[in-house]
N, C-alpha and C. Protein backbone atom coordinates (compact mmCIF):
# COMPACT_ATOMS: atom_id res chain seq x y z
N UNK A 1 -21.98 22.28 29.02
CA UNK A 1 -23.17 21.65 29.57
C UNK A 1 -24.28 21.53 28.52
N UNK A 2 -24.33 22.45 27.59
CA UNK A 2 -25.40 22.46 26.59
C UNK A 2 -25.49 21.18 25.78
N UNK A 3 -24.36 20.71 25.27
CA UNK A 3 -24.39 19.49 24.46
C UNK A 3 -24.80 18.29 25.31
N UNK A 4 -24.27 18.19 26.52
CA UNK A 4 -24.60 17.05 27.39
C UNK A 4 -26.07 17.07 27.78
N UNK A 5 -26.62 18.26 28.00
CA UNK A 5 -28.04 18.36 28.33
C UNK A 5 -28.89 17.93 27.14
N UNK A 6 -28.48 18.33 25.95
CA UNK A 6 -29.20 17.92 24.74
C UNK A 6 -29.15 16.40 24.57
N UNK A 7 -27.98 15.80 24.76
CA UNK A 7 -27.85 14.34 24.66
C UNK A 7 -28.75 13.64 25.68
N UNK A 8 -28.73 14.13 26.90
CA UNK A 8 -29.54 13.54 27.96
C UNK A 8 -31.03 13.66 27.65
N UNK A 9 -31.47 14.86 27.28
CA UNK A 9 -32.89 15.08 26.99
C UNK A 9 -33.36 14.23 25.81
N UNK A 10 -32.54 14.17 24.77
CA UNK A 10 -32.91 13.37 23.60
C UNK A 10 -32.95 11.89 23.95
N UNK A 11 -31.97 11.44 24.74
CA UNK A 11 -31.94 10.03 25.14
C UNK A 11 -33.17 9.66 25.96
N UNK A 12 -33.56 10.52 26.89
CA UNK A 12 -34.75 10.25 27.71
C UNK A 12 -36.00 10.18 26.83
N UNK A 13 -36.14 11.11 25.89
CA UNK A 13 -37.28 11.11 24.97
C UNK A 13 -37.27 9.85 24.11
N UNK A 14 -36.10 9.52 23.56
CA UNK A 14 -35.98 8.35 22.69
C UNK A 14 -36.30 7.06 23.45
N UNK A 15 -35.77 6.92 24.66
CA UNK A 15 -36.03 5.72 25.45
C UNK A 15 -37.52 5.54 25.70
N UNK A 16 -38.20 6.61 25.97
CA UNK A 16 -39.64 6.55 26.24
C UNK A 16 -40.44 6.14 25.00
N UNK A 17 -39.97 6.56 23.83
CA UNK A 17 -40.76 6.37 22.61
C UNK A 17 -40.28 5.27 21.66
N UNK A 18 -38.99 4.91 21.69
CA UNK A 18 -38.47 4.01 20.67
C UNK A 18 -37.61 2.84 21.17
N UNK A 19 -37.30 2.79 22.42
CA UNK A 19 -36.36 1.78 22.93
C UNK A 19 -36.82 0.35 22.67
N UNK A 20 -38.06 0.07 22.89
CA UNK A 20 -38.56 -1.29 22.70
C UNK A 20 -38.39 -1.75 21.25
N UNK A 21 -38.77 -0.89 20.32
CA UNK A 21 -38.63 -1.25 18.91
C UNK A 21 -37.16 -1.43 18.54
N UNK A 22 -36.31 -0.53 19.00
CA UNK A 22 -34.88 -0.61 18.68
C UNK A 22 -34.26 -1.89 19.23
N UNK A 23 -34.63 -2.27 20.42
CA UNK A 23 -34.11 -3.52 20.99
C UNK A 23 -34.55 -4.70 20.15
N UNK A 24 -35.77 -4.69 19.72
CA UNK A 24 -36.30 -5.77 18.88
C UNK A 24 -35.57 -5.83 17.53
N UNK A 25 -35.18 -4.65 17.00
CA UNK A 25 -34.51 -4.59 15.70
C UNK A 25 -32.99 -4.74 15.79
N UNK A 26 -32.44 -4.87 16.99
CA UNK A 26 -31.01 -5.14 17.13
C UNK A 26 -30.09 -3.93 17.17
N UNK A 27 -30.61 -2.76 17.52
CA UNK A 27 -29.76 -1.58 17.64
C UNK A 27 -28.80 -1.77 18.81
N UNK A 28 -27.54 -1.40 18.63
CA UNK A 28 -26.55 -1.51 19.71
C UNK A 28 -26.49 -0.21 20.51
N UNK A 29 -25.82 -0.27 21.65
CA UNK A 29 -25.63 0.92 22.48
C UNK A 29 -24.88 1.99 21.69
N UNK A 30 -23.83 1.60 20.98
CA UNK A 30 -23.07 2.55 20.17
C UNK A 30 -23.89 3.17 19.06
N UNK A 31 -24.74 2.37 18.41
CA UNK A 31 -25.60 2.88 17.34
C UNK A 31 -26.50 4.00 17.85
N UNK A 32 -27.01 3.84 19.04
CA UNK A 32 -27.97 4.80 19.58
C UNK A 32 -27.30 5.92 20.36
N UNK A 33 -26.46 5.58 21.32
CA UNK A 33 -25.93 6.56 22.27
C UNK A 33 -24.48 6.94 22.04
N UNK A 34 -23.84 6.40 21.02
CA UNK A 34 -22.41 6.63 20.81
C UNK A 34 -22.06 8.06 20.42
N UNK A 35 -20.86 8.46 20.79
CA UNK A 35 -20.34 9.76 20.37
C UNK A 35 -18.94 9.57 19.77
N UNK A 36 -18.55 10.51 18.95
CA UNK A 36 -17.20 10.55 18.39
C UNK A 36 -16.52 11.76 19.03
N UNK A 37 -15.63 11.55 19.99
CA UNK A 37 -14.97 12.67 20.66
C UNK A 37 -14.33 13.63 19.64
N UNK A 38 -14.63 14.89 19.80
CA UNK A 38 -14.10 15.90 18.89
C UNK A 38 -14.94 16.14 17.65
N UNK A 39 -15.99 15.35 17.45
CA UNK A 39 -16.86 15.48 16.28
C UNK A 39 -18.32 15.52 16.70
N UNK A 40 -18.78 16.64 17.24
CA UNK A 40 -20.17 16.74 17.68
C UNK A 40 -21.15 16.46 16.53
N UNK A 41 -22.22 15.80 16.84
CA UNK A 41 -23.29 15.47 15.89
C UNK A 41 -22.85 14.48 14.82
N UNK A 42 -21.76 13.74 15.07
CA UNK A 42 -21.29 12.73 14.12
C UNK A 42 -21.25 11.34 14.74
N UNK A 43 -21.87 11.18 15.90
CA UNK A 43 -21.87 9.90 16.59
C UNK A 43 -23.09 9.08 16.23
N UNK A 44 -23.65 8.44 17.24
CA UNK A 44 -24.83 7.61 17.05
C UNK A 44 -26.09 8.42 16.83
N UNK A 45 -27.20 7.73 16.82
CA UNK A 45 -28.49 8.33 16.52
C UNK A 45 -28.81 9.52 17.42
N UNK A 46 -28.66 9.38 18.72
CA UNK A 46 -29.00 10.46 19.65
C UNK A 46 -28.14 11.69 19.39
N UNK A 47 -26.87 11.50 19.16
CA UNK A 47 -25.96 12.61 18.87
C UNK A 47 -26.37 13.32 17.58
N UNK A 48 -26.76 12.59 16.57
CA UNK A 48 -27.16 13.20 15.31
C UNK A 48 -28.54 13.84 15.39
N UNK A 49 -29.42 13.25 16.15
CA UNK A 49 -30.79 13.75 16.25
C UNK A 49 -30.86 15.07 17.00
N UNK A 50 -30.09 15.21 18.08
CA UNK A 50 -30.07 16.46 18.84
C UNK A 50 -31.43 16.85 19.38
N UNK A 51 -31.87 18.06 19.08
CA UNK A 51 -33.17 18.57 19.56
C UNK A 51 -34.34 18.16 18.68
N UNK A 52 -34.08 17.53 17.56
CA UNK A 52 -35.14 17.17 16.62
C UNK A 52 -36.02 16.06 17.19
N UNK A 53 -37.33 16.20 17.02
CA UNK A 53 -38.26 15.17 17.52
C UNK A 53 -39.17 14.65 16.41
N UNK A 54 -38.72 14.73 15.16
CA UNK A 54 -39.54 14.23 14.04
C UNK A 54 -39.09 12.84 13.60
N UNK A 55 -38.63 12.04 14.52
CA UNK A 55 -38.04 10.74 14.23
C UNK A 55 -39.09 9.69 13.86
N UNK A 56 -38.75 8.90 12.85
CA UNK A 56 -39.53 7.73 12.45
C UNK A 56 -38.55 6.57 12.40
N UNK A 57 -38.87 5.49 13.11
CA UNK A 57 -38.01 4.30 13.10
C UNK A 57 -38.79 3.13 12.53
N UNK A 58 -38.18 2.45 11.56
CA UNK A 58 -38.82 1.30 10.94
C UNK A 58 -37.77 0.47 10.21
N UNK A 59 -37.93 -0.83 10.24
CA UNK A 59 -37.09 -1.76 9.48
C UNK A 59 -35.59 -1.55 9.70
N UNK A 60 -35.18 -1.34 10.95
CA UNK A 60 -33.77 -1.21 11.26
C UNK A 60 -33.16 0.13 10.89
N UNK A 61 -33.99 1.09 10.59
CA UNK A 61 -33.49 2.41 10.22
C UNK A 61 -34.24 3.52 10.94
N UNK A 62 -33.64 4.68 10.93
CA UNK A 62 -34.24 5.87 11.52
C UNK A 62 -34.19 6.99 10.50
N UNK A 63 -35.26 7.78 10.43
CA UNK A 63 -35.33 8.91 9.51
C UNK A 63 -35.90 10.11 10.26
N UNK A 64 -35.41 11.30 9.92
CA UNK A 64 -35.96 12.52 10.49
C UNK A 64 -35.70 13.66 9.53
N UNK A 65 -36.51 14.70 9.65
CA UNK A 65 -36.39 15.87 8.79
C UNK A 65 -36.04 17.06 9.67
N UNK A 66 -35.04 17.82 9.22
CA UNK A 66 -34.65 19.02 9.94
C UNK A 66 -34.39 20.13 8.92
N UNK A 67 -35.11 21.23 9.06
CA UNK A 67 -34.96 22.35 8.14
C UNK A 67 -35.14 21.91 6.70
N UNK A 68 -36.08 21.00 6.46
CA UNK A 68 -36.38 20.54 5.12
C UNK A 68 -35.43 19.48 4.57
N UNK A 69 -34.44 19.10 5.34
CA UNK A 69 -33.47 18.10 4.89
C UNK A 69 -33.75 16.78 5.59
N UNK A 70 -33.90 15.72 4.81
CA UNK A 70 -34.16 14.39 5.36
C UNK A 70 -32.83 13.73 5.70
N UNK A 71 -32.71 13.22 6.92
CA UNK A 71 -31.52 12.49 7.35
C UNK A 71 -31.91 11.08 7.71
N UNK A 72 -30.95 10.18 7.66
CA UNK A 72 -31.24 8.79 8.02
C UNK A 72 -30.03 8.17 8.69
N UNK A 73 -30.30 7.09 9.40
CA UNK A 73 -29.26 6.37 10.12
C UNK A 73 -29.75 4.93 10.26
N UNK A 74 -28.85 3.98 10.20
CA UNK A 74 -29.25 2.57 10.24
C UNK A 74 -28.61 1.83 11.40
N UNK A 75 -29.33 0.86 11.94
CA UNK A 75 -28.79 -0.01 12.98
C UNK A 75 -27.55 -0.69 12.43
N UNK A 76 -26.52 -0.81 13.26
CA UNK A 76 -25.30 -1.47 12.85
C UNK A 76 -24.24 -0.54 12.28
N UNK A 77 -24.53 0.75 12.18
CA UNK A 77 -23.56 1.70 11.61
C UNK A 77 -22.38 1.98 12.53
N UNK A 78 -22.61 2.00 13.83
CA UNK A 78 -21.54 2.42 14.75
C UNK A 78 -21.55 1.65 16.07
N UNK A 79 -21.53 0.33 16.03
CA UNK A 79 -21.60 -0.42 17.29
C UNK A 79 -20.35 -0.23 18.16
N UNK A 80 -19.24 0.22 17.57
CA UNK A 80 -17.98 0.38 18.30
C UNK A 80 -17.89 1.68 19.11
N UNK A 81 -18.80 2.62 18.89
CA UNK A 81 -18.73 3.91 19.59
C UNK A 81 -19.06 3.76 21.07
N UNK A 82 -18.36 4.51 21.90
CA UNK A 82 -18.64 4.54 23.35
C UNK A 82 -19.88 5.39 23.60
N UNK A 83 -20.74 4.99 24.50
CA UNK A 83 -21.91 5.80 24.82
C UNK A 83 -21.51 7.13 25.45
N UNK A 84 -22.34 8.15 25.29
CA UNK A 84 -21.99 9.49 25.72
C UNK A 84 -21.70 9.59 27.21
N UNK A 85 -22.28 8.72 28.03
CA UNK A 85 -22.03 8.81 29.47
C UNK A 85 -20.64 8.30 29.84
N UNK A 86 -19.95 7.66 28.91
CA UNK A 86 -18.57 7.24 29.14
C UNK A 86 -17.58 8.18 28.47
N UNK A 87 -18.10 9.14 27.70
CA UNK A 87 -17.25 10.06 26.95
C UNK A 87 -16.47 11.00 27.84
N UNK A 88 -15.56 11.71 27.20
CA UNK A 88 -14.70 12.61 27.94
C UNK A 88 -15.22 14.02 27.90
């Protein structure tokens, strides 16, 4: 339940704060909400972001810092991924 709760909470936060911009920039459902079964934190933006809330989105990309390490993700990286609510 822990991972699913994290995905849900992050998705709700992201939708409230970034959905409009992402739609305008062409982010796909897989890019944002996708998961890779068997590979936690290796899916779309929400899966990688987890509990982190230091997200900055601009010019088709997303950046965040966690424990001093800067991570990034770009629109179009994973449009083929199934969204987490369809996952197993």
